Amino acid sequence: MLNSKLLWLGLLIAWIAASAYWHVCKILKLCDVDLISSYGSVIAEPVPLAEPLIISDTPEFRLKAKGNFSFAKGGIIANKADVYPEMDSLALYLAANPDKLLTITGFYSAEENNTTIFSNLGLARASEIKNWLLGKGIADSVFFIKSQLKNDIVFNNDSLSGGIQFSVNNKIAPVKKELLSEADLVNNQKFKSIFKPLDLYFSGANTKYIKNDQNLKFILETRKYFSNNNDKKLILTGYTHKDSANWDSSISKRRAVFIKKQFVSIGIRENSIIILKKSEPELLDSNSGEKCANCRITMVVK
């Protein structure tokens, strides 16, 4: 009798187990998904790890952090816990290589709310990282910041892992400005009015100026004006080089006196012409060693 009851109990248990298997595996199709722990609770899907921060320049300089920056969704203050050693190494590298340019790119998503003064959160994030690195002694001239919109950004628990990219490059050397000759300086000028200053330039130690159609227009218009008007003055300003002798014996004064005589010879009264002198800091840049583009006479009617 007892054996018969055990048999029926065994069959009942087998039937319950089979029914449970059929319901879970065949109907709900859950047998291949390990979602149930030994305690019957749901196990959360693992959060994917952020790509580690990598910064490289030359083959000898490559930094790889154990983690990356992270930002709150819509935030600009980064969690930097996983990148401190690499940022210190980067600061030392840039200090030792002042010819390098560090470009910081901040990423952002269109679904984020921007409450900063910047046009987008990418720029705000890049600026925040820049300001932080400035505190490590990196010169401001080393940085260039920009932003990039990335709508494929994945937020985990409203947190963005990464969000910042670094690029180290050599600075582009400035193009050396081509120095101009006195003739170039003359031809770059355009006559507008006798009430607007116009310069006369001289080659070498000559007292005769380099002529062109623009300074000829000034002279002719000045003669025309003073033939009917005596209420203003023609101002001739001589500019001296810092190494020139005193004004009374300088080539600059001799040039100014010569130009004054030229105006007198075309009918302008001598008392209508005033000679002034000026020196640094109003000089133009010298165009080459012995030549002096600063040695000029400025004409204007006032």
C-alpha atoms as a PDB file:
ATOM      1  CA  MET A   1       0.000   0.000   0.000  1.00  0.00           C
ATOM      2  CA  LEU A   2       2.856   2.323   0.932  1.00  0.00           C
ATOM      3  CA  ASN A   3       4.713   1.570  -2.301  1.00  0.00           C
ATOM      4  CA  SER A   4       1.612   2.449  -4.307  1.00  0.00           C
ATOM      5  CA  LYS A   5       1.321   5.852  -2.631  1.00  0.00           C
ATOM      6  CA  LEU A   6       5.004   6.628  -3.226  1.00  0.00           C
ATOM      7  CA  LEU A   7       4.574   5.708  -6.878  1.00  0.00           C
ATOM      8  CA  TRP A   8       1.656   8.092  -7.299  1.00  0.00           C
ATOM      9  CA  LEU A   9       3.517  10.830  -5.405  1.00  0.00           C
ATOM     10  CA  GLY A  10       6.516  10.410  -7.699  1.00  0.00           C
ATOM     11  CA  LEU A  11       4.314  10.609 -10.792  1.00  0.00           C
ATOM     12  CA  LEU A  12       2.648  13.767  -9.431  1.00  0.00           C
ATOM     13  CA  ILE A  13       6.009  15.469  -8.822  1.00  0.00           C
ATOM     14  CA  ALA A  14       7.223  14.479 -12.293  1.00  0.00           C
ATOM     15  CA  TRP A  15       4.026  15.853 -13.855  1.00  0.00           C
ATOM     16  CA  ILE A  16       4.408  19.186 -11.969  1.00  0.00           C
ATOM     17  CA  ALA A  17       8.067  19.459 -13.032  1.00  0.00           C
ATOM     18  CA  ALA A  18       7.225  18.694 -16.654  1.00  0.00           C
ATOM     19  CA  SER A  19       4.390  21.214 -16.638  1.00  0.00           C
ATOM     20  CA  ALA A  20       6.648  23.872 -15.147  1.00  0.00           C
ATOM     21  CA  TYR A  21       9.352  23.155 -17.746  1.00  0.00           C
ATOM     22  CA  TRP A  22       6.853  23.361 -20.627  1.00  0.00           C
ATOM     23  CA  HIS A  23       5.406  26.640 -19.359  1.00  0.00           C
ATOM     24  CA  VAL A  24       8.744  28.322 -18.699  1.00  0.00           C
ATOM     25  CA  CYS A  25      10.827  26.994 -21.575  1.00  0.00           C
ATOM     26  CA  LYS A  26       8.325  26.425 -24.387  1.00  0.00           C
ATOM     27  CA  ILE A  27       5.670  29.032 -23.725  1.00  0.00           C
ATOM     28  CA  LEU A  28       7.623  31.867 -22.045  1.00  0.00           C
ATOM     29  CA  LYS A  29      10.900  30.856 -23.790  1.00  0.00           C
ATOM     30  CA  LEU A  30      12.993  31.827 -20.756  1.00  0.00           C
ATOM     31  CA  CYS A  31      15.229  28.785 -20.459  1.00  0.00           C
ATOM     32  CA  ASP A  32      18.085  30.372 -22.466  1.00  0.00           C
ATOM     33  CA  VAL A  33      18.037  33.667 -20.524  1.00  0.00           C
ATOM     34  CA  ASP A  34      19.686  33.642 -17.131  1.00  0.00           C
ATOM     35  CA  LEU A  35      17.506  36.246 -15.431  1.00  0.00           C
ATOM     36  CA  ILE A  36      16.651  34.361 -12.247  1.00  0.00           C
ATOM     37  CA  SER A  37      19.090  34.035  -9.411  1.00  0.00           C
ATOM     38  CA  SER A  38      19.174  31.215  -6.916  1.00  0.00           C
ATOM     39  CA  TYR A  39      16.962  33.453  -4.787  1.00  0.00           C
ATOM     40  CA  GLY A  40      14.424  34.035  -7.528  1.00  0.00           C
ATOM     41  CA  SER A  41      15.193  37.797  -7.906  1.00  0.00           C
ATOM     42  CA  VAL A  42      15.764  39.575 -11.235  1.00  0.00           C
ATOM     43  CA  ILE A  43      19.408  40.244 -12.047  1.00  0.00           C
ATOM     44  CA  ALA A  44      20.040  43.652 -13.733  1.00  0.00           C
ATOM     45  CA  GLU A  45      21.864  43.685 -17.034  1.00  0.00           C
ATOM     46  CA  PRO A  46      25.523  44.655 -16.529  1.00  0.00           C
ATOM     47  CA  VAL A  47      26.384  48.320 -17.305  1.00  0.00           C
ATOM     48  CA  PRO A  48      28.924  48.401 -20.150  1.00  0.00           C
ATOM     49  CA  LEU A  49      32.320  49.747 -19.097  1.00  0.00           C
ATOM     50  CA  ALA A  50      33.478  53.073 -20.594  1.00  0.00           C
ATOM     51  CA  GLU A  51      36.225  53.005 -23.185  1.00  0.00           C
ATOM     52  CA  PRO A  52      39.445  53.938 -21.396  1.00  0.00           C
ATOM     53  CA  LEU A  53      40.873  57.398 -22.035  1.00  0.00           C
ATOM     54  CA  ILE A  54      43.798  57.233 -24.467  1.00  0.00           C
ATOM     55  CA  ILE A  55      46.071  60.188 -25.311  1.00  0.00           C
ATOM     56  CA  SER A  56      49.009  59.823 -27.654  1.00  0.00           C
ATOM     57  CA  ASP A  57      51.407  61.976 -29.627  1.00  0.00           C
ATOM     58  CA  THR A  58      54.727  60.439 -30.539  1.00  0.00           C
ATOM     59  CA  PRO A  59      55.384  56.692 -30.290  1.00  0.00           C
ATOM     60  CA  GLU A  60      57.202  57.473 -27.038  1.00  0.00           C
ATOM     61  CA  PHE A  61      54.243  59.312 -25.522  1.00  0.00           C
ATOM     62  CA  ARG A  62      51.054  57.326 -25.029  1.00  0.00           C
ATOM     63  CA  LEU A  63      48.754  57.498 -22.015  1.00  0.00           C
ATOM     64  CA  LYS A  64      46.022  54.981 -21.259  1.00  0.00           C
ATOM     65  CA  ALA A  65      43.843  55.455 -18.175  1.00  0.00           C
ATOM     66  CA  LYS A  66      42.036  52.699 -16.322  1.00  0.00           C
ATOM     67  CA  GLY A  67      38.762  54.535 -16.972  1.00  0.00           C
ATOM     68  CA  ASN A  68      37.528  57.813 -18.386  1.00  0.00           C
ATOM     69  CA  PHE A  69      35.838  61.087 -17.550  1.00  0.00           C
ATOM     70  CA  SER A  70      32.131  60.954 -16.789  1.00  0.00           C
ATOM     71  CA  PHE A  71      29.449  63.624 -16.815  1.00  0.00           C
ATOM     72  CA  ALA A  72      25.924  63.767 -15.508  1.00  0.00           C
ATOM     73  CA  LYS A  73      23.353  64.130 -18.250  1.00  0.00           C
ATOM     74  CA  GLY A  74      23.127  67.867 -18.951  1.00  0.00           C
ATOM     75  CA  GLY A  75      26.108  68.510 -16.638  1.00  0.00           C
ATOM     76  CA  ILE A  76      29.553  69.985 -17.266  1.00  0.00           C
ATOM     77  CA  ILE A  77      31.494  69.084 -14.116  1.00  0.00           C
ATOM     78  CA  ALA A  78      33.420  65.896 -14.808  1.00  0.00           C
ATOM     79  CA  ASN A  79      34.157  63.008 -12.495  1.00  0.00           C
ATOM     80  CA  LYS A  80      37.923  62.717 -12.960  1.00  0.00           C
ATOM     81  CA  ALA A  81      38.711  59.959 -10.439  1.00  0.00           C
ATOM     82  CA  ASP A  82      39.889  57.476 -13.084  1.00  0.00           C
ATOM     83  CA  VAL A  83      42.156  59.849 -15.035  1.00  0.00           C
ATOM     84  CA  TYR A  84      44.170  61.809 -12.435  1.00  0.00           C
ATOM     85  CA  PRO A  85      47.564  60.114 -13.058  1.00  0.00           C
ATOM     86  CA  GLU A  86      47.249  60.487 -16.827  1.00  0.00           C
ATOM     87  CA  MET A  87      46.295  64.168 -16.575  1.00  0.00           C
ATOM     88  CA  ASP A  88      49.339  64.829 -14.378  1.00  0.00           C
ATOM     89  CA  SER A  89      51.536  63.092 -16.971  1.00  0.00           C
ATOM     90  CA  LEU A  90      49.917  65.122 -19.751  1.00  0.00           C
ATOM     91  CA  ALA A  91      50.615  68.387 -17.885  1.00  0.00           C
ATOM     92  CA  LEU A  92      54.289  67.459 -17.485  1.00  0.00           C
ATOM     93  CA  TYR A  93      54.566  66.500 -21.165  1.00  0.00           C
ATOM     94  CA  LEU A  94      53.066  69.782 -22.374  1.00  0.00           C
ATOM     95  CA  ALA A  95      55.260  71.816 -20.018  1.00  0.00           C
ATOM     96  CA  ALA A  96      58.324  70.097 -21.473  1.00  0.00           C
ATOM     97  CA  ASN A  97      57.078  70.550 -25.064  1.00  0.00           C
ATOM     98  CA  PRO A  98      55.759  74.140 -25.459  1.00  0.00           C
ATOM     99  CA  ASP A  99      55.532  73.687 -29.224  1.00  0.00           C
ATOM    100  CA  LYS A 100      52.560  71.329 -28.775  1.00  0.00           C
ATOM    101  CA  LEU A 101      48.879  72.207 -29.200  1.00  0.00           C
ATOM    102  CA  LEU A 102      46.262  70.376 -27.116  1.00  0.00           C
ATOM    103  CA  THR A 103      42.835  70.203 -28.743  1.00  0.00           C
ATOM    104  CA  ILE A 104      40.003  69.321 -26.357  1.00  0.00           C
ATOM    105  CA  THR A 105      36.763  68.176 -27.968  1.00  0.00           C
ATOM    106  CA  GLY A 106      33.635  68.089 -25.842  1.00  0.00           C
ATOM    107  CA  PHE A 107      30.786  65.790 -26.924  1.00  0.00           C
ATOM    108  CA  TYR A 108      27.105  66.405 -26.321  1.00  0.00           C
ATOM    109  CA  SER A 109      23.699  65.055 -27.305  1.00  0.00           C
ATOM    110  CA  ALA A 110      20.728  66.967 -28.670  1.00  0.00           C
ATOM    111  CA  GLU A 111      18.542  65.407 -25.987  1.00  0.00           C
ATOM    112  CA  GLU A 112      20.537  67.145 -23.245  1.00  0.00           C
ATOM    113  CA  ASN A 113      19.309  70.412 -21.746  1.00  0.00           C
ATOM    114  CA  ASN A 114      21.928  73.173 -21.996  1.00  0.00           C
ATOM    115  CA  THR A 115      21.681  75.703 -19.145  1.00  0.00           C
ATOM    116  CA  THR A 116      25.214  77.114 -19.549  1.00  0.00           C
ATOM    117  CA  ILE A 117      26.406  80.364 -21.141  1.00  0.00           C
ATOM    118  CA  PHE A 118      28.031  78.339 -23.930  1.00  0.00           C
ATOM    119  CA  SER A 119      26.322  77.624 -27.229  1.00  0.00           C
ATOM    120  CA  ASN A 120      26.318  73.906 -26.428  1.00  0.00           C
ATOM    121  CA  LEU A 121      27.307  71.497 -23.658  1.00  0.00           C
ATOM    122  CA  GLY A 122      30.273  70.183 -25.645  1.00  0.00           C
ATOM    123  CA  LEU A 123      32.026  73.552 -25.499  1.00  0.00           C
ATOM    124  CA  ALA A 124      31.085  73.933 -21.849  1.00  0.00           C
ATOM    125  CA  ARG A 125      32.598  70.533 -21.004  1.00  0.00           C
ATOM    126  CA  ALA A 126      35.770  71.208 -22.985  1.00  0.00           C
ATOM    127  CA  SER A 127      36.130  74.600 -21.288  1.00  0.00           C
ATOM    128  CA  GLU A 128      35.697  73.052 -17.842  1.00  0.00           C
ATOM    129  CA  ILE A 129      38.459  70.533 -18.537  1.00  0.00           C
ATOM    130  CA  LYS A 130      40.688  73.296 -19.939  1.00  0.00           C
ATOM    131  CA  ASN A 131      40.241  75.442 -16.823  1.00  0.00           C
ATOM    132  CA  TRP A 132      41.041  72.448 -14.648  1.00  0.00           C
ATOM    133  CA  LEU A 133      44.250  71.770 -16.598  1.00  0.00           C
ATOM    134  CA  LEU A 134      45.231  75.439 -16.399  1.00  0.00           C
ATOM    135  CA  GLY A 135      45.437  74.890 -12.668  1.00  0.00           C
ATOM    136  CA  LYS A 136      48.161  72.325 -13.332  1.00  0.00           C
ATOM    137  CA  GLY A 137      50.385  75.005 -14.830  1.00  0.00           C
ATOM    138  CA  ILE A 138      49.712  74.452 -18.538  1.00  0.00           C
ATOM    139  CA  ALA A 139      49.910  77.711 -20.527  1.00  0.00           C
ATOM    140  CA  ASP A 140      46.671  79.039 -21.997  1.00  0.00           C
ATOM    141  CA  SER A 141      48.279  79.269 -25.450  1.00  0.00           C
ATOM    142  CA  VAL A 142      48.558  75.464 -25.557  1.00  0.00           C
ATOM    143  CA  PHE A 143      44.782  74.909 -25.672  1.00  0.00           C
ATOM    144  CA  PHE A 144      42.198  74.819 -28.428  1.00  0.00           C
ATOM    145  CA  ILE A 145      38.651  73.792 -27.522  1.00  0.00           C
ATOM    146  CA  LYS A 146      35.806  72.684 -29.755  1.00  0.00           C
ATOM    147  CA  SER A 147      32.620  70.631 -29.614  1.00  0.00           C
ATOM    148  CA  GLN A 148      30.954  67.798 -31.499  1.00  0.00           C
ATOM    149  CA  LEU A 149      27.307  66.773 -31.552  1.00  0.00           C
ATOM    150  CA  LYS A 150      26.888  62.999 -31.090  1.00  0.00           C
ATOM    151  CA  ASN A 151      23.335  61.729 -30.986  1.00  0.00           C
ATOM    152  CA  ASP A 152      24.498  58.116 -30.528  1.00  0.00           C
ATOM    153  CA  ILE A 153      25.684  58.870 -26.990  1.00  0.00           C
ATOM    154  CA  VAL A 154      24.482  56.238 -24.509  1.00  0.00           C
ATOM    155  CA  PHE A 155      23.524  57.408 -21.028  1.00  0.00           C
ATOM    156  CA  ASN A 156      23.619  54.855 -18.231  1.00  0.00           C
ATOM    157  CA  ASN A 157      21.629  55.980 -15.210  1.00  0.00           C
ATOM    158  CA  ASP A 158      21.724  59.518 -16.655  1.00  0.00           C
ATOM    159  CA  SER A 159      25.528  59.405 -16.767  1.00  0.00           C
ATOM    160  CA  LEU A 160      27.780  59.903 -19.788  1.00  0.00           C
ATOM    161  CA  SER A 161      31.041  57.969 -19.722  1.00  0.00           C
ATOM    162  CA  GLY A 162      33.758  59.689 -21.733  1.00  0.00           C
ATOM    163  CA  GLY A 163      32.450  62.899 -23.277  1.00  0.00           C
ATOM    164  CA  ILE A 164      35.942  64.340 -23.812  1.00  0.00           C
ATOM    165  CA  GLN A 165      38.571  63.665 -26.460  1.00  0.00           C
ATOM    166  CA  PHE A 166      42.168  64.919 -26.527  1.00  0.00           C
ATOM    167  CA  SER A 167      44.417  65.469 -29.536  1.00  0.00           C
ATOM    168  CA  VAL A 168      48.071  66.520 -29.270  1.00  0.00           C
ATOM    169  CA  ASN A 169      49.711  68.088 -32.325  1.00  0.00           C
ATOM    170  CA  ASN A 170      52.580  70.373 -33.211  1.00  0.00           C
ATOM    171  CA  LYS A 171      51.765  74.064 -33.340  1.00  0.00           C
ATOM    172  CA  ILE A 172      51.780  75.550 -36.817  1.00  0.00           C
ATOM    173  CA  ALA A 173      54.682  77.960 -37.102  1.00  0.00           C
ATOM    174  CA  PRO A 174      53.542  81.499 -37.985  1.00  0.00           C
ATOM    175  CA  VAL A 175      54.274  82.585 -41.515  1.00  0.00           C
ATOM    176  CA  LYS A 176      57.019  85.166 -41.491  1.00  0.00           C
ATOM    177  CA  LYS A 177      55.696  88.474 -42.724  1.00  0.00           C
ATOM    178  CA  GLU A 178      57.370  89.663 -45.878  1.00  0.00           C
ATOM    179  CA  LEU A 179      59.096  92.955 -45.266  1.00  0.00           C
ATOM    180  CA  LEU A 180      58.112  95.848 -47.511  1.00  0.00           C
ATOM    181  CA  SER A 181      60.431  98.228 -49.305  1.00  0.00           C
ATOM    182  CA  GLU A 182      59.907 101.989 -49.302  1.00  0.00           C
ATOM    183  CA  ALA A 183      58.511 101.726 -52.847  1.00  0.00           C
ATOM    184  CA  ASP A 184      55.979  99.127 -51.666  1.00  0.00           C
ATOM    185  CA  LEU A 185      54.918 101.396 -48.799  1.00  0.00           C
ATOM    186  CA  VAL A 186      54.389 104.262 -51.227  1.00  0.00           C
ATOM    187  CA  ASN A 187      52.297 102.202 -53.629  1.00  0.00           C
ATOM    188  CA  ASN A 188      50.152 100.783 -50.818  1.00  0.00           C
ATOM    189  CA  GLN A 189      48.807 104.241 -50.017  1.00  0.00           C
ATOM    190  CA  LYS A 190      45.651 105.727 -51.538  1.00  0.00           C
ATOM    191  CA  PHE A 191      44.863 109.420 -51.633  1.00  0.00           C
ATOM    192  CA  LYS A 192      41.479 110.151 -50.061  1.00  0.00           C
ATOM    193  CA  SER A 193      41.569 113.786 -49.027  1.00  0.00           C
ATOM    194  CA  ILE A 194      44.088 116.459 -48.100  1.00  0.00           C
ATOM    195  CA  PHE A 195      42.539 116.219 -44.624  1.00  0.00           C
ATOM    196  CA  LYS A 196      43.672 112.585 -44.363  1.00  0.00           C
ATOM    197  CA  PRO A 197      47.402 111.954 -43.685  1.00  0.00           C
ATOM    198  CA  LEU A 198      49.557 110.752 -46.576  1.00  0.00           C
ATOM    199  CA  ASP A 199      53.203 109.723 -46.248  1.00  0.00           C
ATOM    200  CA  LEU A 200      56.149 110.608 -48.443  1.00  0.00           C
ATOM    201  CA  TYR A 201      58.893 107.978 -48.408  1.00  0.00           C
ATOM    202  CA  PHE A 202      62.566 108.324 -49.256  1.00  0.00           C
ATOM    203  CA  SER A 203      65.175 105.883 -50.509  1.00  0.00           C
ATOM    204  CA  GLY A 204      68.401 105.800 -48.545  1.00  0.00           C
ATOM    205  CA  ALA A 205      69.577 109.218 -47.345  1.00  0.00           C
ATOM    206  CA  ASN A 206      67.934 111.139 -50.192  1.00  0.00           C
ATOM    207  CA  THR A 207      65.904 114.268 -49.582  1.00  0.00           C
ATOM    208  CA  LYS A 208      63.857 113.645 -52.732  1.00  0.00           C
ATOM    209  CA  TYR A 209      60.756 111.570 -52.107  1.00  0.00           C
ATOM    210  CA  ILE A 210      59.500 108.621 -54.147  1.00  0.00           C
ATOM    211  CA  LYS A 211      56.820 109.978 -56.458  1.00  0.00           C
ATOM    212  CA  ASN A 212      53.617 108.312 -57.611  1.00  0.00           C
ATOM    213  CA  ASP A 213      50.158 109.390 -58.765  1.00  0.00           C
ATOM    214  CA  GLN A 214      48.707 109.302 -55.239  1.00  0.00           C
ATOM    215  CA  ASN A 215      51.079 111.788 -53.624  1.00  0.00           C
ATOM    216  CA  LEU A 216      50.872 113.917 -56.770  1.00  0.00           C
ATOM    217  CA  LYS A 217      47.081 114.138 -56.264  1.00  0.00           C
ATOM    218  CA  PHE A 218      47.654 115.294 -52.684  1.00  0.00           C
ATOM    219  CA  ILE A 219      50.037 118.046 -53.788  1.00  0.00           C
ATOM    220  CA  LEU A 220      47.752 119.311 -56.561  1.00  0.00           C
ATOM    221  CA  GLU A 221      44.664 119.279 -54.343  1.00  0.00           C
ATOM    222  CA  THR A 222      46.588 121.094 -51.596  1.00  0.00           C
ATOM    223  CA  ARG A 223      47.659 123.832 -54.028  1.00  0.00           C
ATOM    224  CA  LYS A 224      44.076 124.179 -55.214  1.00  0.00           C
ATOM    225  CA  TYR A 225      42.740 124.415 -51.664  1.00  0.00           C
ATOM    226  CA  PHE A 226      45.220 127.075 -50.469  1.00  0.00           C
ATOM    227  CA  SER A 227      44.674 129.195 -53.567  1.00  0.00           C
ATOM    228  CA  ASN A 228      41.209 129.995 -52.153  1.00  0.00           C
ATOM    229  CA  ASN A 229      41.586 129.225 -48.422  1.00  0.00           C
ATOM    230  CA  ASN A 230      44.032 130.385 -45.777  1.00  0.00           C
ATOM    231  CA  ASP A 231      42.145 129.295 -42.664  1.00  0.00           C
ATOM    232  CA  LYS A 232      44.071 126.026 -42.202  1.00  0.00           C
ATOM    233  CA  LYS A 233      47.665 124.834 -42.077  1.00  0.00           C
ATOM    234  CA  LEU A 234      49.623 122.269 -44.025  1.00  0.00           C
ATOM    235  CA  ILE A 235      51.373 120.098 -41.428  1.00  0.00           C
ATOM    236  CA  LEU A 236      54.594 118.322 -42.407  1.00  0.00           C
ATOM    237  CA  THR A 237      55.702 115.820 -39.760  1.00  0.00           C
ATOM    238  CA  GLY A 238      59.177 114.344 -39.936  1.00  0.00           C
ATOM    239  CA  TYR A 239      59.725 110.969 -38.260  1.00  0.00           C
ATOM    240  CA  THR A 240      63.182 110.237 -36.947  1.00  0.00           C
ATOM    241  CA  HIS A 241      64.809 106.891 -36.374  1.00  0.00           C
ATOM    242  CA  LYS A 242      65.757 106.072 -32.774  1.00  0.00           C
ATOM    243  CA  ASP A 243      69.458 106.026 -33.731  1.00  0.00           C
ATOM    244  CA  SER A 244      69.382 109.329 -35.621  1.00  0.00           C
ATOM    245  CA  ALA A 245      71.281 112.419 -34.529  1.00  0.00           C
ATOM    246  CA  ASN A 246      69.547 115.397 -32.951  1.00  0.00           C
ATOM    247  CA  TRP A 247      66.631 116.935 -34.873  1.00  0.00           C
ATOM    248  CA  ASP A 248      68.388 120.110 -36.054  1.00  0.00           C
ATOM    249  CA  SER A 249      71.002 118.151 -37.973  1.00  0.00           C
ATOM    250  CA  SER A 250      68.928 115.091 -38.870  1.00  0.00           C
ATOM    251  CA  ILE A 251      68.117 113.934 -42.370  1.00  0.00           C
ATOM    252  CA  SER A 252      64.458 113.951 -41.345  1.00  0.00           C
ATOM    253  CA  LYS A 253      64.471 117.723 -40.768  1.00  0.00           C
ATOM    254  CA  ARG A 254      66.322 118.355 -44.026  1.00  0.00           C
ATOM    255  CA  ARG A 255      63.663 116.345 -45.831  1.00  0.00           C
ATOM    256  CA  ALA A 256      60.847 118.290 -44.177  1.00  0.00           C
ATOM    257  CA  VAL A 257      62.485 121.606 -45.102  1.00  0.00           C
ATOM    258  CA  PHE A 258      62.945 120.399 -48.675  1.00  0.00           C
ATOM    259  CA  ILE A 259      59.282 119.386 -48.962  1.00  0.00           C
ATOM    260  CA  LYS A 260      58.215 122.743 -47.515  1.00  0.00           C
ATOM    261  CA  LYS A 261      60.219 124.551 -50.193  1.00  0.00           C
ATOM    262  CA  GLN A 262      58.515 122.419 -52.848  1.00  0.00           C
ATOM    263  CA  PHE A 263      55.068 123.525 -51.623  1.00  0.00           C
ATOM    264  CA  VAL A 264      56.172 127.161 -51.441  1.00  0.00           C
ATOM    265  CA  SER A 265      57.431 126.921 -55.003  1.00  0.00           C
ATOM    266  CA  ILE A 266      53.912 125.975 -56.229  1.00  0.00           C
ATOM    267  CA  GLY A 267      52.274 128.986 -54.582  1.00  0.00           C
ATOM    268  CA  ILE A 268      51.489 127.991 -50.977  1.00  0.00           C
ATOM    269  CA  ARG A 269      52.471 130.708 -48.505  1.00  0.00           C
ATOM    270  CA  GLU A 270      55.336 129.844 -46.168  1.00  0.00           C
ATOM    271  CA  ASN A 271      53.381 130.822 -43.044  1.00  0.00           C
ATOM    272  CA  SER A 272      50.697 128.296 -44.009  1.00  0.00           C
ATOM    273  CA  ILE A 273      53.163 125.417 -43.612  1.00  0.00           C
ATOM    274  CA  ILE A 274      54.208 124.012 -40.231  1.00  0.00           C
ATOM    275  CA  ILE A 275      57.011 121.496 -39.675  1.00  0.00           C
ATOM    276  CA  LEU A 276      56.725 119.083 -36.755  1.00  0.00           C
ATOM    277  CA  LYS A 277      58.924 116.231 -35.546  1.00  0.00           C
ATOM    278  CA  LYS A 278      58.078 112.908 -33.982  1.00  0.00           C
ATOM    279  CA  SER A 279      59.994 109.866 -32.918  1.00  0.00           C
ATOM    280  CA  GLU A 280      59.152 106.578 -31.277  1.00  0.00           C
ATOM    281  CA  PRO A 281      56.690 105.013 -30.446  1.00  0.00           C
ATOM    282  CA  GLU A 282      54.857 106.267 -33.539  1.00  0.00           C
ATOM    283  CA  LEU A 283      57.391 104.834 -35.948  1.00  0.00           C
ATOM    284  CA  LEU A 284      56.426 102.155 -38.400  1.00  0.00           C
ATOM    285  CA  ASP A 285      58.350  98.890 -38.263  1.00  0.00           C
ATOM    286  CA  SER A 286      61.660  99.093 -40.075  1.00  0.00           C
ATOM    287  CA  ASN A 287      61.545  97.004 -43.217  1.00  0.00           C
ATOM    288  CA  SER A 288      65.156  95.830 -43.102  1.00  0.00           C
ATOM    289  CA  GLY A 289      68.574  96.448 -41.588  1.00  0.00           C
ATOM    290  CA  GLU A 290      69.985  99.695 -42.992  1.00  0.00           C
ATOM    291  CA  LYS A 291      66.863 100.815 -44.818  1.00  0.00           C
ATOM    292  CA  CYS A 292      64.523 102.947 -42.767  1.00  0.00           C
ATOM    293  CA  ALA A 293      60.841 102.814 -43.632  1.00  0.00           C
ATOM    294  CA  ASN A 294      60.342 105.028 -40.567  1.00  0.00           C
ATOM    295  CA  CYS A 295      62.138 107.888 -42.255  1.00  0.00           C
ATOM    296  CA  ARG A 296      59.136 109.532 -43.818  1.00  0.00           C
ATOM    297  CA  ILE A 297      57.271 112.812 -43.981  1.00  0.00           C
ATOM    298  CA  THR A 298      53.535 112.818 -43.258  1.00  0.00           C
ATOM    299  CA  MET A 299      51.410 115.478 -44.955  1.00  0.00           C
ATOM    300  CA  VAL A 300      47.972 116.589 -43.794  1.00  0.00           C
ATOM    301  CA  VAL A 301      45.891 119.772 -43.844  1.00  0.00           C
ATOM    302  CA  LYS A 302      44.387 120.796 -40.480  1.00  0.00           C
END
